[in-house]
């Protein structure tokens, strides 16, 4: 089953010989996932620290300061490469740095906020965030059958129905970060909070959810979902099916890997900008370039 697990990853490489940073995407590829706890512990131990909460805005401001001070053509090329990454990969990096998988596991992608979703306070009403999370959660579950585990396609689809083994929301909590307004787009992601290890047949699991604002390029809300596996035929809690346990365990390991890769890329971008600063306004002999005036005295 691990052979079905795929994710889109990206990385940054820097060519110091020419002092030009070349940032490029790595194409999608299959990864073999080890099932051992030792592999998970090793991946967890190698995860870099999280970046600052507003690292995108910070990098853009720092690059702007370097450009205003004065940059060579090579330095401008490096700055443009970083800005290009921030413009095209920000969702994957913001989400990935916290372990949220994108690609086929994305729950709600580039969803347009409707004007009617705002209330009398002129911002998106809080109840809509729960709806966004609900739609994304259904997509997150059913996408396993489409992109990851077609062998159990019917069983995954049935989880979202009251036919046999299904899922029931025990609790749903939200933490609102800032008010969104129309017009805007959102992307909503889910991830497993923990791996289903230690219990061979768990009857519940926790999901974390983020709502990303495209306009602000940061998290607008966080949600916490406590979900119970339920047997509608017996009208009681049930154990998680083995195929679900196996895939959740593999998915959690992929989340850890994605966290490490996304954070490493972010810190690499920050290092590129730090080097750019040392070459411009932050060097010892720095003199700001005010330009030249033709015909001046």
Protein backbone atom coordinates (compact mmCIF):
# COMPACT_ATOMS: atom_id res chain seq x y z
CA UNK A 1 0.00 0.00 0.00
CA UNK A 2 2.92 2.31 0.65
CA UNK A 3 3.63 2.28 -3.07
CA UNK A 4 0.46 4.29 -3.60
CA UNK A 5 1.59 7.09 -1.31
CA UNK A 6 2.77 10.12 -3.22
CA UNK A 7 3.41 13.73 -2.39
CA UNK A 8 4.69 16.79 -4.19
CA UNK A 9 7.82 18.10 -2.60
CA UNK A 10 10.04 21.04 -3.40
CA UNK A 11 13.52 22.14 -2.52
CA UNK A 12 15.93 25.00 -3.01
CA UNK A 13 19.51 24.70 -4.23
CA UNK A 14 22.07 27.47 -4.21
CA UNK A 15 24.92 27.82 -6.68
CA UNK A 16 27.51 29.69 -4.66
CA UNK A 17 30.08 29.60 -7.45
CA UNK A 18 28.13 32.12 -9.49
CA UNK A 19 26.50 33.68 -6.41
CA UNK A 20 23.14 33.12 -8.07
CA UNK A 21 20.48 31.10 -6.26
CA UNK A 22 18.62 28.66 -8.48
CA UNK A 23 15.32 27.63 -6.90
CA UNK A 24 13.43 24.83 -8.58
CA UNK A 25 10.68 22.33 -7.92
CA UNK A 26 11.28 18.65 -7.50
CA UNK A 27 8.73 16.62 -9.49
CA UNK A 28 6.26 14.30 -7.80
CA UNK A 29 7.68 10.90 -7.01
CA UNK A 30 6.81 7.74 -5.12
CA UNK A 31 8.35 7.09 -1.75
CA UNK A 32 8.72 3.88 0.13
CA UNK A 33 7.69 4.39 3.74
CA UNK A 34 9.26 2.31 6.51
CA UNK A 35 6.74 0.90 8.96
CA UNK A 36 9.09 0.78 11.92
CA UNK A 37 8.80 3.07 14.93
CA UNK A 38 12.55 3.66 14.69
CA UNK A 39 12.12 5.26 11.29
CA UNK A 40 9.45 7.59 12.67
CA UNK A 41 11.63 8.55 15.64
CA UNK A 42 14.54 9.27 13.30
CA UNK A 43 12.37 11.48 11.08
CA UNK A 44 11.04 13.36 14.10
CA UNK A 45 14.53 13.95 15.47
CA UNK A 46 15.68 15.50 12.17
CA UNK A 47 12.84 18.03 11.91
CA UNK A 48 14.18 21.63 11.90
CA UNK A 49 12.61 24.19 14.24
CA UNK A 50 9.50 26.02 12.99
CA UNK A 51 10.04 29.32 11.15
CA UNK A 52 8.75 32.65 12.52
CA UNK A 53 4.98 32.98 12.29
CA UNK A 54 5.13 35.72 9.64
CA UNK A 55 8.20 34.56 7.77
CA UNK A 56 6.73 35.33 4.32
CA UNK A 57 6.07 39.01 5.08
CA UNK A 58 9.41 39.22 6.88
CA UNK A 59 11.38 37.87 3.91
CA UNK A 60 9.61 40.16 1.47
CA UNK A 61 10.36 43.19 3.65
CA UNK A 62 14.01 42.20 4.06
CA UNK A 63 14.43 41.69 0.32
CA UNK A 64 12.82 45.06 -0.30
CA UNK A 65 15.31 46.73 2.01
CA UNK A 66 18.22 45.14 0.13
CA UNK A 67 16.84 46.27 -3.24
CA UNK A 68 16.22 49.82 -2.02
CA UNK A 69 19.77 49.98 -0.67
CA UNK A 70 21.19 48.88 -4.02
CA UNK A 71 21.90 45.47 -5.54
CA UNK A 72 23.99 44.16 -8.40
CA UNK A 73 22.37 42.27 -11.26
CA UNK A 74 23.34 38.94 -9.69
CA UNK A 75 21.89 39.99 -6.35
CA UNK A 76 18.68 41.11 -8.04
CA UNK A 77 18.45 37.68 -9.69
CA UNK A 78 18.77 35.94 -6.33
CA UNK A 79 16.18 38.22 -4.76
CA UNK A 80 13.79 37.61 -7.66
CA UNK A 81 14.23 33.84 -7.30
CA UNK A 82 13.24 33.96 -3.64
CA UNK A 83 10.26 36.21 -4.37
CA UNK A 84 9.17 33.80 -7.08
CA UNK A 85 9.17 30.94 -4.58
CA UNK A 86 7.17 33.02 -2.09
CA UNK A 87 4.61 33.80 -4.79
CA UNK A 88 4.19 30.27 -6.17
CA UNK A 89 4.92 27.90 -3.28
CA UNK A 90 3.74 29.75 -0.20
CA UNK A 91 0.78 27.42 0.44
CA UNK A 92 2.86 24.26 0.23
CA UNK A 93 5.53 25.75 2.49
CA UNK A 94 3.17 27.24 5.09
CA UNK A 95 1.10 24.07 5.28
CA UNK A 96 4.00 21.67 4.89
CA UNK A 97 6.01 23.31 7.68
CA UNK A 98 3.28 22.08 10.05
CA UNK A 99 2.91 18.64 8.47
CA UNK A 100 -0.15 19.32 6.31
CA UNK A 101 0.09 17.39 3.03
CA UNK A 102 -0.91 19.08 -0.21
CA UNK A 103 -1.50 17.59 -3.64
CA UNK A 104 -4.05 14.80 -3.73
CA UNK A 105 -4.64 15.12 0.00
CA UNK A 106 -5.67 18.75 -0.17
CA UNK A 107 -9.15 19.14 1.23
CA UNK A 108 -10.37 22.45 -0.21
CA UNK A 109 -8.24 24.16 -2.85
CA UNK A 110 -8.55 27.83 -3.83
CA UNK A 111 -12.16 28.07 -2.68
CA UNK A 112 -13.67 31.50 -3.40
CA UNK A 113 -15.28 33.25 -0.47
CA UNK A 114 -18.79 34.43 -1.32
CA UNK A 115 -19.92 37.96 -0.55
CA UNK A 116 -22.96 36.52 1.24
CA UNK A 117 -20.72 34.73 3.75
CA UNK A 118 -19.98 38.05 5.42
CA UNK A 119 -22.19 39.26 8.26
CA UNK A 120 -23.26 42.67 9.57
CA UNK A 121 -19.77 43.18 10.98
CA UNK A 122 -18.40 43.07 7.41
CA UNK A 123 -16.26 39.96 7.84
CA UNK A 124 -16.78 36.26 7.13
CA UNK A 125 -19.16 34.90 9.76
CA UNK A 126 -17.50 32.42 12.11
CA UNK A 127 -19.95 29.63 11.32
CA UNK A 128 -18.57 29.44 7.78
CA UNK A 129 -15.19 28.22 9.03
CA UNK A 130 -16.88 25.08 10.35
CA UNK A 131 -18.43 24.54 6.94
CA UNK A 132 -15.08 25.00 5.22
CA UNK A 133 -13.55 22.43 7.57
CA UNK A 134 -16.43 20.01 7.01
CA UNK A 135 -16.10 20.14 3.22
CA UNK A 136 -12.33 19.77 3.43
CA UNK A 137 -12.60 16.85 5.87
CA UNK A 138 -14.96 14.93 3.58
CA UNK A 139 -12.59 15.53 0.66
CA UNK A 140 -9.59 14.53 2.79
CA UNK A 141 -11.20 11.19 3.65
CA UNK A 142 -12.62 10.38 0.22
CA UNK A 143 -9.41 11.41 -1.56
CA UNK A 144 -7.67 8.46 0.05
CA UNK A 145 -9.76 6.19 -2.15
CA UNK A 146 -8.96 8.19 -5.28
CA UNK A 147 -5.27 9.06 -4.91
CA UNK A 148 -3.85 6.70 -2.32
CA UNK A 149 -5.71 3.44 -1.71
CA UNK A 150 -8.01 2.54 -4.61
CA UNK A 151 -7.96 -1.08 -3.43
CA UNK A 152 -10.31 -0.04 -0.61
CA UNK A 153 -12.16 2.63 -2.57
CA UNK A 154 -15.63 1.48 -1.50
CA UNK A 155 -14.72 1.21 2.19
CA UNK A 156 -13.26 4.73 2.24
CA UNK A 157 -16.35 6.12 0.51
CA UNK A 158 -18.64 4.34 2.98
CA UNK A 159 -16.92 6.06 5.91
CA UNK A 160 -18.84 9.19 4.97
CA UNK A 161 -22.22 7.42 4.95
CA UNK A 162 -24.41 5.80 7.67
CA UNK A 163 -24.35 2.39 5.96
CA UNK A 164 -21.88 0.41 8.09
CA UNK A 165 -18.58 1.58 9.60
CA UNK A 166 -18.57 5.37 9.49
CA UNK A 167 -17.30 8.46 11.28
CA UNK A 168 -18.99 10.69 13.84
CA UNK A 169 -17.77 14.10 14.98
CA UNK A 170 -17.39 14.06 18.77
CA UNK A 171 -16.20 17.64 19.12
CA UNK A 172 -15.11 20.52 16.90
CA UNK A 173 -13.22 23.54 18.20
CA UNK A 174 -12.02 26.63 16.35
CA UNK A 175 -9.40 29.28 17.02
CA UNK A 176 -9.88 32.36 14.84
CA UNK A 177 -6.69 34.27 13.98
CA UNK A 178 -8.03 37.27 12.06
CA UNK A 179 -11.28 38.21 10.26
CA UNK A 180 -11.38 37.44 6.55
CA UNK A 181 -13.39 39.59 4.17
CA UNK A 182 -14.65 39.32 0.61
CA UNK A 183 -13.00 39.02 -1.88
CA UNK A 184 -10.57 36.28 -0.89
CA UNK A 185 -9.76 32.64 -1.58
CA UNK A 186 -9.00 29.93 0.92
CA UNK A 187 -7.27 26.56 0.98
CA UNK A 188 -8.15 24.19 3.81
CA UNK A 189 -5.90 21.34 4.96
CA UNK A 190 -6.19 18.49 7.45
CA UNK A 191 -3.59 16.36 9.19
CA UNK A 192 -3.48 13.56 11.73
CA UNK A 193 -2.44 14.80 15.14
CA UNK A 194 -0.78 11.51 16.09
CA UNK A 195 0.07 8.13 14.63
CA UNK A 196 -2.24 5.19 15.40
CA UNK A 197 0.53 3.32 17.21
CA UNK A 198 0.34 1.52 20.53
CA UNK A 199 -3.31 0.63 19.98
CA UNK A 200 -3.82 -2.04 17.30
CA UNK A 201 -7.50 -1.13 16.89
CA UNK A 202 -8.18 2.51 17.84
CA UNK A 203 -11.78 3.71 17.90
CA UNK A 204 -11.09 7.45 17.52
CA UNK A 205 -8.58 9.90 16.06
CA UNK A 206 -7.81 13.62 16.14
CA UNK A 207 -7.47 15.89 13.12
CA UNK A 208 -5.97 19.37 13.00
CA UNK A 209 -7.22 21.75 10.33
CA UNK A 210 -6.01 25.10 9.02
CA UNK A 211 -7.81 27.65 6.86
CA UNK A 212 -5.34 29.60 4.72
CA UNK A 213 -6.22 33.05 3.39
CA UNK A 214 -4.75 33.62 -0.07
CA UNK A 215 -5.01 37.38 0.24
CA UNK A 216 -3.02 37.50 3.49
CA UNK A 217 -0.97 34.36 2.81
CA UNK A 218 -1.30 33.14 6.36
CA UNK A 219 -3.54 31.05 8.58
CA UNK A 220 -6.93 32.64 9.25
CA UNK A 221 -8.25 29.90 11.54
CA UNK A 222 -7.26 26.65 13.20
CA UNK A 223 -9.70 23.87 14.01
CA UNK A 224 -9.43 20.78 16.17
CA UNK A 225 -11.61 17.77 15.34
CA UNK A 226 -12.20 14.74 17.58
CA UNK A 227 -13.65 11.93 15.44
CA UNK A 228 -15.06 8.58 16.53
CA UNK A 229 -15.28 5.41 14.42
CA UNK A 230 -18.90 4.25 14.62
CA UNK A 231 -20.76 1.10 13.55
CA UNK A 232 -24.17 2.26 12.37
CA UNK A 233 -25.47 -1.31 12.21
CA UNK A 234 -24.63 -2.04 15.86
CA UNK A 235 -25.25 1.55 16.98
CA UNK A 236 -21.99 1.64 18.92
CA UNK A 237 -18.34 2.64 18.67
CA UNK A 238 -16.18 0.42 16.51
CA UNK A 239 -12.52 -0.32 15.97
CA UNK A 240 -10.76 1.36 13.08
CA UNK A 241 -10.51 -1.04 10.10
CA UNK A 242 -6.99 -2.45 9.54
CA UNK A 243 -6.63 -0.81 6.12
CA UNK A 244 -7.39 2.54 7.75
CA UNK A 245 -4.89 1.98 10.58
CA UNK A 246 -2.14 1.08 8.12
CA UNK A 247 -2.76 4.05 5.87
CA UNK A 248 -3.06 6.51 8.76
CA UNK A 249 0.26 5.27 10.15
CA UNK A 250 1.94 5.74 6.77
CA UNK A 251 0.28 9.13 6.29
CA UNK A 252 1.53 10.35 9.66
CA UNK A 253 5.09 9.38 8.72
CA UNK A 254 4.68 11.31 5.47
CA UNK A 255 3.48 14.31 7.49
CA UNK A 256 6.69 14.18 9.53
CA UNK A 257 8.78 13.98 6.38
CA UNK A 258 6.92 16.89 4.81
CA UNK A 259 7.43 18.96 7.95
CA UNK A 260 11.17 18.41 7.79
CA UNK A 261 11.42 19.15 4.04
CA UNK A 262 9.25 22.28 4.10
CA UNK A 263 11.01 23.75 7.13
CA UNK A 264 14.42 23.02 5.63
CA UNK A 265 13.43 24.86 2.46
CA UNK A 266 12.09 27.84 4.40
CA UNK A 267 15.27 28.12 6.46
CA UNK A 268 17.29 27.86 3.25
CA UNK A 269 15.33 30.76 1.77
CA UNK A 270 15.98 32.74 4.94
CA UNK A 271 19.70 31.95 4.69
CA UNK A 272 19.76 33.19 1.09
CA UNK A 273 18.19 36.48 2.18
CA UNK A 274 20.59 36.75 5.12
CA UNK A 275 23.52 36.36 2.73
CA UNK A 276 21.99 39.00 0.47
CA UNK A 277 21.79 41.38 3.44
CA UNK A 278 25.45 40.76 4.30
CA UNK A 279 26.37 41.63 0.73
CA UNK A 280 24.37 44.88 0.68
CA UNK A 281 23.23 47.11 3.57
CA UNK A 282 24.65 44.92 6.37
CA UNK A 283 28.27 44.77 5.23
CA UNK A 284 30.90 46.79 7.11
CA UNK A 285 31.68 49.20 4.27
CA UNK A 286 28.07 49.54 3.16
CA UNK A 287 27.20 52.81 1.40
CA UNK A 288 23.65 53.25 0.16
CA UNK A 289 23.28 53.74 -3.59
CA UNK A 290 21.24 56.91 -4.11
CA UNK A 291 21.78 56.82 -7.86
CA UNK A 292 23.41 59.49 -9.98
CA UNK A 293 21.92 62.72 -11.28
CA UNK A 294 22.80 63.49 -14.87
CA UNK A 295 24.05 66.99 -15.47
CA UNK A 296 24.68 67.59 -11.77
CA UNK A 297 27.52 69.72 -10.47
